């Protein structure tokens, strides 16, 4: 390796890490809370398909990403902000992704961990059996048709958010005896949640 190449490599590795999108004060004030927020019934409705991805949908995707990160979540469906349309955003560790009109085509295997929670039901957690691997058809945030396979945590997050689009909450799928309130812990308030 040449000295110039070594210097370039060192400079890239010494560059400061990009700040986490979760490095912000916790704010879930715009998230629809089940049974509490006026209009919360939207959480129990089957959301409508989006006819086309336009500038308004792209702006909503950006807004939903900001709201999700501000609430320290890993996924957010449009009904959770009062919009009954088939749109979700998530970040399973690889950056913000958007799915428009997602359909889960195939499910395989099973996973029961980690416990799930929901931004619309703050503090409640429980065990939900989910497929470990799914095949998804959707449009991305630019409106391009996509089809992909998701596994493990990403598969769990997508299944949770697609349930929201169908008016299903994690409490409907959780094993009832596992549901519990997480103790209020100010240190945890700033940690990412599902």
C-alpha atoms as a PDB file:
ATOM      1  CA  UNK A   1       0.000   0.000   0.000  1.00  0.00           C
ATOM      2  CA  UNK A   2       1.337   3.418  -0.869  1.00  0.00           C
ATOM      3  CA  UNK A   3       1.826   6.159   1.722  1.00  0.00           C
ATOM      4  CA  UNK A   4      -0.884   8.203   0.057  1.00  0.00           C
ATOM      5  CA  UNK A   5      -3.337   5.276   0.222  1.00  0.00           C
ATOM      6  CA  UNK A   6      -2.429   4.614   3.862  1.00  0.00           C
ATOM      7  CA  UNK A   7      -2.986   8.282   4.696  1.00  0.00           C
ATOM      8  CA  UNK A   8      -6.385   8.220   2.940  1.00  0.00           C
ATOM      9  CA  UNK A   9      -7.385   5.090   4.848  1.00  0.00           C
ATOM     10  CA  UNK A  10      -6.286   6.592   8.167  1.00  0.00           C
ATOM     11  CA  UNK A  11      -8.210   9.804   7.504  1.00  0.00           C
ATOM     12  CA  UNK A  12     -11.389   7.862   6.716  1.00  0.00           C
ATOM     13  CA  UNK A  13     -11.086   5.686   9.809  1.00  0.00           C
ATOM     14  CA  UNK A  14     -10.328   8.676  12.033  1.00  0.00           C
ATOM     15  CA  UNK A  15     -13.312  10.630  10.709  1.00  0.00           C
ATOM     16  CA  UNK A  16     -15.856  11.246  13.437  1.00  0.00           C
ATOM     17  CA  UNK A  17     -18.786   8.843  13.478  1.00  0.00           C
ATOM     18  CA  UNK A  18     -22.056  10.191  12.183  1.00  0.00           C
ATOM     19  CA  UNK A  19     -24.357  11.004  15.079  1.00  0.00           C
ATOM     20  CA  UNK A  20     -27.115   8.506  15.729  1.00  0.00           C
ATOM     21  CA  UNK A  21     -30.561   9.661  14.640  1.00  0.00           C
ATOM     22  CA  UNK A  22     -31.643   8.696  18.162  1.00  0.00           C
ATOM     23  CA  UNK A  23     -29.358  11.361  19.704  1.00  0.00           C
ATOM     24  CA  UNK A  24     -32.189  13.762  20.403  1.00  0.00           C
ATOM     25  CA  UNK A  25     -34.575  14.482  23.241  1.00  0.00           C
ATOM     26  CA  UNK A  26     -37.373  11.942  23.592  1.00  0.00           C
ATOM     27  CA  UNK A  27     -40.685  13.171  22.118  1.00  0.00           C
ATOM     28  CA  UNK A  28     -43.648  10.919  21.393  1.00  0.00           C
ATOM     29  CA  UNK A  29     -46.256  13.698  21.612  1.00  0.00           C
ATOM     30  CA  UNK A  30     -47.453  13.244  18.004  1.00  0.00           C
ATOM     31  CA  UNK A  31     -47.838   9.466  18.232  1.00  0.00           C
ATOM     32  CA  UNK A  32     -51.459   8.279  18.480  1.00  0.00           C
ATOM     33  CA  UNK A  33     -51.883   6.496  21.839  1.00  0.00           C
ATOM     34  CA  UNK A  34     -54.293   3.551  21.960  1.00  0.00           C
ATOM     35  CA  UNK A  35     -57.439   4.467  23.888  1.00  0.00           C
ATOM     36  CA  UNK A  36     -56.119   7.930  24.793  1.00  0.00           C
ATOM     37  CA  UNK A  37     -55.516  10.195  21.789  1.00  0.00           C
ATOM     38  CA  UNK A  38     -58.663  11.630  20.168  1.00  0.00           C
ATOM     39  CA  UNK A  39     -59.139   9.624  16.968  1.00  0.00           C
ATOM     40  CA  UNK A  40     -57.212   6.622  18.326  1.00  0.00           C
ATOM     41  CA  UNK A  41     -59.697   4.350  16.528  1.00  0.00           C
ATOM     42  CA  UNK A  42     -57.546   4.800  13.403  1.00  0.00           C
ATOM     43  CA  UNK A  43     -55.276   2.187  14.999  1.00  0.00           C
ATOM     44  CA  UNK A  44     -58.053  -0.393  14.535  1.00  0.00           C
ATOM     45  CA  UNK A  45     -58.826   0.385  10.888  1.00  0.00           C
ATOM     46  CA  UNK A  46     -57.507  -1.298   7.759  1.00  0.00           C
ATOM     47  CA  UNK A  47     -55.456   1.404   6.039  1.00  0.00           C
ATOM     48  CA  UNK A  48     -56.081   2.458   2.441  1.00  0.00           C
ATOM     49  CA  UNK A  49     -53.639   1.769  -0.396  1.00  0.00           C
ATOM     50  CA  UNK A  50     -51.601   4.693  -1.673  1.00  0.00           C
ATOM     51  CA  UNK A  51     -52.317   5.232  -5.399  1.00  0.00           C
ATOM     52  CA  UNK A  52     -48.985   6.909  -6.199  1.00  0.00           C
ATOM     53  CA  UNK A  53     -45.823   8.014  -4.430  1.00  0.00           C
ATOM     54  CA  UNK A  54     -45.709  11.774  -4.924  1.00  0.00           C
ATOM     55  CA  UNK A  55     -43.963  14.698  -3.235  1.00  0.00           C
ATOM     56  CA  UNK A  56     -46.550  14.724  -0.412  1.00  0.00           C
ATOM     57  CA  UNK A  57     -45.902  11.034   0.376  1.00  0.00           C
ATOM     58  CA  UNK A  58     -42.139  11.588   0.244  1.00  0.00           C
ATOM     59  CA  UNK A  59     -42.489  14.520   2.661  1.00  0.00           C
ATOM     60  CA  UNK A  60     -44.620  12.329   4.939  1.00  0.00           C
ATOM     61  CA  UNK A  61     -41.914   9.625   4.865  1.00  0.00           C
ATOM     62  CA  UNK A  62     -39.309  12.164   6.039  1.00  0.00           C
ATOM     63  CA  UNK A  63     -41.668  13.452   8.739  1.00  0.00           C
ATOM     64  CA  UNK A  64     -42.442   9.929   9.939  1.00  0.00           C
ATOM     65  CA  UNK A  65     -38.732   9.142  10.127  1.00  0.00           C
ATOM     66  CA  UNK A  66     -38.183  12.207  12.311  1.00  0.00           C
ATOM     67  CA  UNK A  67     -41.138  11.276  14.531  1.00  0.00           C
ATOM     68  CA  UNK A  68     -39.952   7.663  14.871  1.00  0.00           C
ATOM     69  CA  UNK A  69     -36.420   8.671  15.827  1.00  0.00           C
ATOM     70  CA  UNK A  70     -37.731  11.353  18.195  1.00  0.00           C
ATOM     71  CA  UNK A  71     -39.870   8.736  19.953  1.00  0.00           C
ATOM     72  CA  UNK A  72     -36.834   6.410  20.035  1.00  0.00           C
ATOM     73  CA  UNK A  73     -38.698   3.775  18.027  1.00  0.00           C
ATOM     74  CA  UNK A  74     -37.519   1.360  15.365  1.00  0.00           C
ATOM     75  CA  UNK A  75     -40.701   1.433  13.299  1.00  0.00           C
ATOM     76  CA  UNK A  76     -43.722   3.634  12.686  1.00  0.00           C
ATOM     77  CA  UNK A  77     -46.841   3.064  10.576  1.00  0.00           C
ATOM     78  CA  UNK A  78     -48.932   5.916   9.184  1.00  0.00           C
ATOM     79  CA  UNK A  79     -51.985   5.054  11.359  1.00  0.00           C
ATOM     80  CA  UNK A  80     -49.796   5.772  14.400  1.00  0.00           C
ATOM     81  CA  UNK A  81     -49.772   9.420  13.360  1.00  0.00           C
ATOM     82  CA  UNK A  82     -53.463   9.464  12.452  1.00  0.00           C
ATOM     83  CA  UNK A  83     -53.132   8.694   8.726  1.00  0.00           C
ATOM     84  CA  UNK A  84     -55.038   5.629   7.517  1.00  0.00           C
ATOM     85  CA  UNK A  85     -52.765   4.864   4.558  1.00  0.00           C
ATOM     86  CA  UNK A  86     -50.488   1.900   3.826  1.00  0.00           C
ATOM     87  CA  UNK A  87     -47.133   3.462   4.621  1.00  0.00           C
ATOM     88  CA  UNK A  88     -44.501   2.513   7.167  1.00  0.00           C
ATOM     89  CA  UNK A  89     -40.958   3.508   8.030  1.00  0.00           C
ATOM     90  CA  UNK A  90     -38.398   1.566  10.023  1.00  0.00           C
ATOM     91  CA  UNK A  91     -34.751   1.354  10.975  1.00  0.00           C
ATOM     92  CA  UNK A  92     -33.586  -2.134  11.919  1.00  0.00           C
ATOM     93  CA  UNK A  93     -29.972  -0.957  12.139  1.00  0.00           C
ATOM     94  CA  UNK A  94     -29.235  -0.071   8.514  1.00  0.00           C
ATOM     95  CA  UNK A  95     -30.795   3.378   8.277  1.00  0.00           C
ATOM     96  CA  UNK A  96     -34.275   4.644   7.543  1.00  0.00           C
ATOM     97  CA  UNK A  97     -36.339   2.612   5.086  1.00  0.00           C
ATOM     98  CA  UNK A  98     -39.862   3.241   3.843  1.00  0.00           C
ATOM     99  CA  UNK A  99     -42.376   0.732   2.517  1.00  0.00           C
ATOM    100  CA  UNK A 100     -45.433   1.856   0.563  1.00  0.00           C
ATOM    101  CA  UNK A 101     -48.325  -0.624   0.195  1.00  0.00           C
ATOM    102  CA  UNK A 102     -46.297  -3.505   1.671  1.00  0.00           C
ATOM    103  CA  UNK A 103     -47.528  -7.067   1.334  1.00  0.00           C
ATOM    104  CA  UNK A 104     -45.951 -10.018   3.129  1.00  0.00           C
ATOM    105  CA  UNK A 105     -45.908 -12.759   0.512  1.00  0.00           C
ATOM    106  CA  UNK A 106     -44.256 -15.565   2.449  1.00  0.00           C
ATOM    107  CA  UNK A 107     -43.395 -16.402   6.062  1.00  0.00           C
ATOM    108  CA  UNK A 108     -40.955 -19.021   7.348  1.00  0.00           C
ATOM    109  CA  UNK A 109     -39.669 -20.158  10.710  1.00  0.00           C
ATOM    110  CA  UNK A 110     -40.450 -18.667  14.082  1.00  0.00           C
ATOM    111  CA  UNK A 111     -38.932 -16.253  16.565  1.00  0.00           C
ATOM    112  CA  UNK A 112     -40.165 -15.218  19.987  1.00  0.00           C
ATOM    113  CA  UNK A 113     -37.456 -12.768  21.078  1.00  0.00           C
ATOM    114  CA  UNK A 114     -36.983  -9.932  21.659  1.00  0.00           C
ATOM    115  CA  UNK A 115     -40.129  -8.848  23.466  1.00  0.00           C
ATOM    116  CA  UNK A 116     -42.173  -6.303  21.568  1.00  0.00           C
ATOM    117  CA  UNK A 117     -43.448  -2.927  22.590  1.00  0.00           C
ATOM    118  CA  UNK A 118     -45.330  -0.258  20.696  1.00  0.00           C
ATOM    119  CA  UNK A 119     -45.061   3.513  20.483  1.00  0.00           C
ATOM    120  CA  UNK A 120     -48.884   3.630  20.580  1.00  0.00           C
ATOM    121  CA  UNK A 121     -49.016   1.667  23.853  1.00  0.00           C
ATOM    122  CA  UNK A 122     -46.145   3.197  25.849  1.00  0.00           C
ATOM    123  CA  UNK A 123     -44.480   1.016  28.463  1.00  0.00           C
ATOM    124  CA  UNK A 124     -46.327  -2.229  27.679  1.00  0.00           C
ATOM    125  CA  UNK A 125     -44.194  -5.148  26.476  1.00  0.00           C
ATOM    126  CA  UNK A 126     -44.790  -8.794  25.722  1.00  0.00           C
ATOM    127  CA  UNK A 127     -43.769 -11.901  23.803  1.00  0.00           C
ATOM    128  CA  UNK A 128     -45.099 -12.163  20.250  1.00  0.00           C
ATOM    129  CA  UNK A 129     -44.452 -15.156  18.012  1.00  0.00           C
ATOM    130  CA  UNK A 130     -43.393 -13.909  14.584  1.00  0.00           C
ATOM    131  CA  UNK A 131     -42.017 -15.487  11.440  1.00  0.00           C
ATOM    132  CA  UNK A 132     -38.223 -15.454  11.419  1.00  0.00           C
ATOM    133  CA  UNK A 133     -38.051 -14.886   7.656  1.00  0.00           C
ATOM    134  CA  UNK A 134     -40.450 -13.048   5.354  1.00  0.00           C
ATOM    135  CA  UNK A 135     -40.661 -12.105   1.697  1.00  0.00           C
ATOM    136  CA  UNK A 136     -42.084  -8.625   1.123  1.00  0.00           C
ATOM    137  CA  UNK A 137     -43.434  -6.845  -1.952  1.00  0.00           C
ATOM    138  CA  UNK A 138     -43.846  -3.067  -1.756  1.00  0.00           C
ATOM    139  CA  UNK A 139     -42.757   0.212  -3.238  1.00  0.00           C
ATOM    140  CA  UNK A 140     -39.809   2.070  -1.785  1.00  0.00           C
ATOM    141  CA  UNK A 141     -39.878   5.744  -0.813  1.00  0.00           C
ATOM    142  CA  UNK A 142     -39.310   6.776  -4.430  1.00  0.00           C
ATOM    143  CA  UNK A 143     -42.217   4.649  -5.681  1.00  0.00           C
ATOM    144  CA  UNK A 144     -40.012   1.943  -7.199  1.00  0.00           C
ATOM    145  CA  UNK A 145     -41.469  -1.594  -6.937  1.00  0.00           C
ATOM    146  CA  UNK A 146     -39.319  -3.789  -4.696  1.00  0.00           C
ATOM    147  CA  UNK A 147     -39.361  -7.368  -3.488  1.00  0.00           C
ATOM    148  CA  UNK A 148     -36.997  -8.534  -0.762  1.00  0.00           C
ATOM    149  CA  UNK A 149     -36.348 -11.032   1.998  1.00  0.00           C
ATOM    150  CA  UNK A 150     -36.085  -9.895   5.615  1.00  0.00           C
ATOM    151  CA  UNK A 151     -34.910 -12.023   8.518  1.00  0.00           C
ATOM    152  CA  UNK A 152     -34.785 -11.909  12.295  1.00  0.00           C
ATOM    153  CA  UNK A 153     -35.149  -8.410  13.806  1.00  0.00           C
ATOM    154  CA  UNK A 154     -35.924  -6.691  10.481  1.00  0.00           C
ATOM    155  CA  UNK A 155     -38.621  -9.312   9.793  1.00  0.00           C
ATOM    156  CA  UNK A 156     -40.089  -8.740  13.263  1.00  0.00           C
ATOM    157  CA  UNK A 157     -40.228  -4.969  12.832  1.00  0.00           C
ATOM    158  CA  UNK A 158     -41.855  -5.189   9.395  1.00  0.00           C
ATOM    159  CA  UNK A 159     -44.472  -7.690  10.608  1.00  0.00           C
ATOM    160  CA  UNK A 160     -45.305  -5.446  13.585  1.00  0.00           C
ATOM    161  CA  UNK A 161     -45.722  -2.380  11.334  1.00  0.00           C
ATOM    162  CA  UNK A 162     -47.715  -4.222   8.627  1.00  0.00           C
ATOM    163  CA  UNK A 163     -50.060  -5.367  11.410  1.00  0.00           C
ATOM    164  CA  UNK A 164     -50.688  -1.675  12.161  1.00  0.00           C
ATOM    165  CA  UNK A 165     -51.747  -1.193   8.533  1.00  0.00           C
ATOM    166  CA  UNK A 166     -54.317  -3.960   9.046  1.00  0.00           C
ATOM    167  CA  UNK A 167     -55.687  -2.549  12.320  1.00  0.00           C
ATOM    168  CA  UNK A 168     -53.892  -5.193  14.403  1.00  0.00           C
ATOM    169  CA  UNK A 169     -51.899  -4.284  17.527  1.00  0.00           C
ATOM    170  CA  UNK A 170     -49.151  -6.333  19.138  1.00  0.00           C
ATOM    171  CA  UNK A 171     -51.442  -6.944  22.142  1.00  0.00           C
ATOM    172  CA  UNK A 172     -53.698  -8.952  19.795  1.00  0.00           C
ATOM    173  CA  UNK A 173     -50.842 -11.342  19.020  1.00  0.00           C
ATOM    174  CA  UNK A 174     -48.921 -11.330  22.315  1.00  0.00           C
ATOM    175  CA  UNK A 175     -49.020 -14.264  24.674  1.00  0.00           C
ATOM    176  CA  UNK A 176     -51.345 -12.746  27.312  1.00  0.00           C
ATOM    177  CA  UNK A 177     -49.416 -13.967  30.353  1.00  0.00           C
ATOM    178  CA  UNK A 178     -46.251 -12.229  29.095  1.00  0.00           C
ATOM    179  CA  UNK A 179     -47.729  -8.721  28.874  1.00  0.00           C
ATOM    180  CA  UNK A 180     -46.212  -6.398  31.452  1.00  0.00           C
ATOM    181  CA  UNK A 181     -45.525  -2.744  32.020  1.00  0.00           C
ATOM    182  CA  UNK A 182     -41.895  -1.776  31.874  1.00  0.00           C
ATOM    183  CA  UNK A 183     -40.929   0.085  35.053  1.00  0.00           C
ATOM    184  CA  UNK A 184     -40.451   3.803  34.578  1.00  0.00           C
ATOM    185  CA  UNK A 185     -36.712   4.343  34.315  1.00  0.00           C
ATOM    186  CA  UNK A 186     -35.491   7.777  33.266  1.00  0.00           C
ATOM    187  CA  UNK A 187     -32.276   6.269  31.892  1.00  0.00           C
ATOM    188  CA  UNK A 188     -34.294   3.990  29.594  1.00  0.00           C
ATOM    189  CA  UNK A 189     -36.361   6.876  28.247  1.00  0.00           C
ATOM    190  CA  UNK A 190     -33.511   7.725  25.920  1.00  0.00           C
ATOM    191  CA  UNK A 191     -32.883   4.168  24.694  1.00  0.00           C
ATOM    192  CA  UNK A 192     -34.334   3.020  21.344  1.00  0.00           C
ATOM    193  CA  UNK A 193     -37.547   1.006  21.668  1.00  0.00           C
ATOM    194  CA  UNK A 194     -39.673  -0.974  19.246  1.00  0.00           C
END
